[in-house]
Structure formats: C-alpha cells, structure tokens
C-alpha cells in the first residue's frame, strides 16, 4: 500500500475535526446543503416533466390531426374507388346491352339472307368482280330483285360480326380518349 502524502492527510482531516468539535451545526449544515441540492434536482425534474408533458401533448395533437387527415384521405379514396367501380359497372352493363343488340341485329341480318353484294355481268354471263364459287365461297343466288347476291357461310358471318363489334369498341374507346383530352381527333382529308 502506498502511503498518502502528509498535506493530503491534513486536508482530509479538517472536516473530521470540525464534525468532532461541532457535531450538530455541522450535521445541520450538511443537511441544509443536501436539501438545497435535492431542491435544485427537483426543480430540474419539474422542468423536465413540464417539457415532456408539452412534448407529449404536441405529439398527441399531431397524431390526432394526422389520423383525421388519413381518415379523410381514406374516405376520399373510397369514394373515388366507388365512383370508378360504378362507372366501370355501367360501362360493362352498357357494353353487354350493346353486345346483345349487335347479336340481335346480326341474327336478323343472317335470317334475312346474309350479305348481298352487287355483281356485274360480263358479256359471257359470268360474274366479274365476284369470286368463283367454291367450298369457301358459295355461289351467288338470285333473290328475285334482279341483283345477284352472295350468301356468307355462318363462320364467315360470325367472324364479320365479331370484327365489326371489335371495331366499334375501338372506335368508342378512341372517342373517349379524344373527349378526355388524352388523344387528338383524327384529321379529316
């Protein structure tokens, strides 16, 4: 063990001598110093508690306002989604109705004898501009109106009807794009 220097022993001995010669005033003074230190710490703790309470209140207010904004955004998004779904449902219903109309028209067209095209007769009596009769193209038949007609097969008629319906949908889609300002109208010559 290393011995302490003599000056340090004298410096550390004076509180002990003071306590030994005046015990009650020294204890009262120590108790007052301790109370003063604790009072300062309590004041710091009260300030810290106030700042924490203020910070908590601000955080709570921010959370509540953010929650209200999020609820409002969710409500707006829900309404927009419902409007979109309603619009898409109406478009689907309209498309189904239009498809039913086209099917009915196509059925009536097929029942009325199909597509008729005028054919010119040449001097030899064979039709010019019309395709020769064969397995894919039935022979022209007369309907009594003086104009020869060509009857389409059911497969050709169904393909023609499907293509016509597809072209009408594409045309309607293009018109919607023009109306919404997402496309330019076609230039007319």
Protein backbone atom coordinates (compact mmCIF):
# COMPACT_ATOMS: atom_id res chain seq x y z
CA UNK A 1 0.00 0.00 0.00
CA UNK A 2 1.26 3.42 -0.97
CA UNK A 3 1.25 5.97 1.88
CA UNK A 4 -0.75 9.19 1.28
CA UNK A 5 1.16 12.49 1.31
CA UNK A 6 1.08 14.39 4.59
CA UNK A 7 -0.57 17.51 3.10
CA UNK A 8 -3.41 15.44 1.74
CA UNK A 9 -3.99 13.85 5.13
CA UNK A 10 -4.25 17.29 6.77
CA UNK A 11 -6.66 18.48 4.03
CA UNK A 12 -8.89 15.47 4.58
CA UNK A 13 -8.68 15.67 8.38
CA UNK A 14 -10.27 19.12 8.86
CA UNK A 15 -13.92 18.00 8.14
CA UNK A 16 -13.44 15.25 10.68
CA UNK A 17 -12.10 17.69 13.28
CA UNK A 18 -14.98 20.10 12.55
CA UNK A 19 -17.53 17.31 12.94
CA UNK A 20 -15.86 16.17 16.16
CA UNK A 21 -15.76 19.64 17.75
CA UNK A 22 -19.20 20.93 16.47
CA UNK A 23 -21.30 17.87 15.62
CA UNK A 24 -24.84 19.38 15.48
CA UNK A 25 -24.12 22.53 13.50
CA UNK A 26 -22.01 20.53 11.03
CA UNK A 27 -24.78 17.98 10.55
CA UNK A 28 -27.35 20.78 10.17
CA UNK A 29 -25.12 22.47 7.59
CA UNK A 30 -24.64 19.16 5.71
CA UNK A 31 -28.39 18.53 5.84
CA UNK A 32 -29.10 22.05 4.50
CA UNK A 33 -26.59 21.56 1.66
CA UNK A 34 -28.16 18.20 0.83
CA UNK A 35 -31.69 19.71 0.89
CA UNK A 36 -30.54 22.57 -1.35
CA UNK A 37 -29.03 20.09 -3.86
CA UNK A 38 -32.20 17.99 -3.80
CA UNK A 39 -34.35 21.11 -4.28
CA UNK A 40 -32.28 22.02 -7.37
CA UNK A 41 -32.66 18.49 -8.71
CA UNK A 42 -36.41 18.55 -8.03
CA UNK A 43 -36.69 21.85 -9.92
CA UNK A 44 -34.81 20.28 -12.85
CA UNK A 45 -37.11 17.26 -12.72
CA UNK A 46 -40.20 19.51 -12.69
CA UNK A 47 -38.88 21.42 -15.73
CA UNK A 48 -38.10 18.18 -17.47
CA UNK A 49 -41.57 16.83 -16.61
CA UNK A 50 -43.20 20.02 -17.97
CA UNK A 51 -41.22 19.80 -21.21
CA UNK A 52 -42.10 16.08 -21.53
CA UNK A 53 -45.78 16.85 -20.92
CA UNK A 54 -45.69 19.63 -23.53
CA UNK A 55 -43.89 17.34 -25.97
CA UNK A 56 -46.41 14.56 -25.28
CA UNK A 57 -49.34 16.93 -25.83
CA UNK A 58 -47.82 18.14 -29.11
CA UNK A 59 -47.18 14.55 -30.25
CA UNK A 60 -50.73 13.57 -29.32
CA UNK A 61 -52.18 16.56 -31.21
CA UNK A 62 -50.01 15.76 -34.25
CA UNK A 63 -51.10 12.13 -34.10
CA UNK A 64 -54.77 13.07 -33.89
CA UNK A 65 -54.53 15.55 -36.78
CA UNK A 66 -52.59 13.01 -38.87
CA UNK A 67 -55.22 10.40 -38.03
CA UNK A 68 -58.02 12.75 -39.12
CA UNK A 69 -56.17 13.56 -42.37
CA UNK A 70 -55.56 9.86 -43.02
CA UNK A 71 -59.24 9.08 -42.38
CA UNK A 72 -60.27 11.89 -44.72
CA UNK A 73 -57.87 10.66 -47.44
CA UNK A 74 -59.14 7.10 -46.97
CA UNK A 75 -62.74 8.33 -47.29
CA UNK A 76 -61.87 10.28 -50.46
CA UNK A 77 -60.08 7.24 -51.88
CA UNK A 78 -63.02 5.01 -51.01
CA UNK A 79 -65.44 7.40 -52.73
CA UNK A 80 -63.19 7.63 -55.78
CA UNK A 81 -62.95 3.83 -55.90
CA UNK A 82 -66.73 3.51 -55.58
CA UNK A 83 -67.22 6.04 -58.38
CA UNK A 84 -64.74 4.16 -60.56
CA UNK A 85 -66.45 0.85 -59.82
CA UNK A 86 -69.87 2.35 -60.55
CA UNK A 87 -68.61 3.82 -63.82
CA UNK A 88 -66.97 0.55 -64.85
CA UNK A 89 -70.11 -1.40 -63.91
CA UNK A 90 -72.22 0.97 -66.00
CA UNK A 91 -69.79 0.68 -68.92
CA UNK A 92 -69.88 -3.12 -68.59
CA UNK A 93 -73.69 -3.12 -68.48
CA UNK A 94 -73.80 -0.79 -71.49
CA UNK A 95 -71.31 -2.99 -73.34
CA UNK A 96 -73.34 -6.11 -72.56
CA UNK A 97 -76.52 -4.37 -73.69
CA UNK A 98 -74.80 -3.17 -76.87
CA UNK A 99 -73.40 -6.66 -77.49
CA UNK A 100 -76.91 -8.09 -77.09
CA UNK A 101 -78.20 -5.52 -79.59
CA UNK A 102 -75.44 -6.39 -82.06
CA UNK A 103 -76.13 -10.10 -81.66
CA UNK A 104 -79.83 -9.50 -82.30
CA UNK A 105 -79.02 -7.37 -85.34
CA UNK A 106 -76.58 -10.00 -86.59
CA UNK A 107 -79.21 -12.69 -86.13
CA UNK A 108 -81.78 -10.65 -88.04
CA UNK A 109 -79.20 -9.97 -90.74
CA UNK A 110 -78.42 -13.67 -91.02
CA UNK A 111 -82.11 -14.55 -91.06
CA UNK A 112 -82.77 -12.00 -93.81
CA UNK A 113 -80.37 -13.77 -96.14
CA UNK A 114 -76.94 -12.52 -95.20
CA UNK A 115 -74.74 -10.09 -97.02
CA UNK A 116 -75.67 -9.12 -100.53
CA UNK A 117 -73.25 -7.55 -102.93
CA UNK A 118 -73.99 -6.39 -106.42
CA UNK A 119 -72.21 -8.34 -109.18
CA UNK A 120 -71.71 -7.08 -112.73
CA UNK A 121 -72.34 -9.49 -115.50
CA UNK A 122 -69.97 -9.59 -118.45
CA UNK A 123 -70.84 -10.47 -122.00
CA UNK A 124 -70.23 -14.13 -121.36
CA UNK A 125 -72.68 -14.07 -118.46
CA UNK A 126 -70.15 -14.86 -115.76
CA UNK A 127 -69.96 -12.51 -112.81
CA UNK A 128 -66.98 -10.19 -112.81
CA UNK A 129 -65.67 -8.86 -109.52
CA UNK A 130 -67.25 -11.74 -107.66
CA UNK A 131 -65.24 -14.69 -106.51
CA UNK A 132 -65.76 -18.03 -108.12
CA UNK A 133 -67.99 -20.42 -106.27
CA UNK A 134 -66.21 -22.98 -104.18
CA UNK A 135 -66.14 -24.58 -100.76
CA UNK A 136 -65.27 -21.30 -99.00
CA UNK A 137 -67.43 -19.05 -101.14
CA UNK A 138 -70.92 -20.22 -102.00
CA UNK A 139 -72.29 -19.49 -105.44
CA UNK A 140 -74.31 -16.34 -105.96
CA UNK A 141 -78.02 -16.82 -105.80
CA UNK A 142 -80.80 -14.66 -107.05
CA UNK A 143 -83.44 -13.27 -104.73
CA UNK A 144 -85.78 -12.08 -107.42
CA UNK A 145 -84.78 -8.42 -107.18
CA UNK A 146 -82.70 -8.56 -110.32
CA UNK A 147 -79.46 -8.12 -108.39
CA UNK A 148 -77.37 -11.20 -107.70
CA UNK A 149 -76.33 -11.71 -104.06
CA UNK A 150 -73.67 -13.69 -102.26
CA UNK A 151 -74.57 -15.60 -99.13
CA UNK A 152 -71.91 -15.88 -96.46
CA UNK A 153 -71.26 -19.02 -94.51
CA UNK A 154 -72.16 -18.90 -90.81
CA UNK A 155 -68.45 -18.95 -89.79
CA UNK A 156 -67.67 -16.01 -92.10
CA UNK A 157 -70.71 -14.14 -90.85
CA UNK A 158 -69.74 -14.73 -87.19
CA UNK A 159 -66.17 -13.55 -87.90
CA UNK A 160 -67.56 -10.47 -89.68
CA UNK A 161 -69.89 -9.73 -86.75
CA UNK A 162 -67.10 -10.18 -84.19
CA UNK A 163 -64.73 -7.94 -86.13
CA UNK A 164 -67.43 -5.29 -86.55
CA UNK A 165 -68.17 -5.33 -82.82
CA UNK A 166 -64.44 -5.08 -82.06
CA UNK A 167 -64.03 -2.14 -84.44
CA UNK A 168 -66.99 -0.36 -82.84
CA UNK A 169 -65.47 -0.83 -79.37
CA UNK A 170 -62.13 0.53 -80.58
CA UNK A 171 -63.90 3.50 -82.17
CA UNK A 172 -65.80 4.22 -78.92
CA UNK A 173 -62.56 3.93 -76.94
CA UNK A 174 -60.85 6.39 -79.30
CA UNK A 175 -63.76 8.81 -78.95
CA UNK A 176 -63.48 8.62 -75.13
CA UNK A 177 -59.74 9.35 -75.34
CA UNK A 178 -60.44 12.40 -77.51
CA UNK A 179 -63.18 13.59 -75.13
CA UNK A 180 -60.86 13.21 -72.11
CA UNK A 181 -58.11 15.13 -73.90
CA UNK A 182 -55.74 12.16 -73.99
CA UNK A 183 -55.71 11.95 -77.79
CA UNK A 184 -56.19 14.19 -80.79
CA UNK A 185 -59.17 13.78 -83.10
CA UNK A 186 -58.32 12.27 -86.49
CA UNK A 187 -57.57 14.69 -89.27
CA UNK A 188 -60.22 14.69 -91.94
CA UNK A 189 -58.93 14.99 -95.54
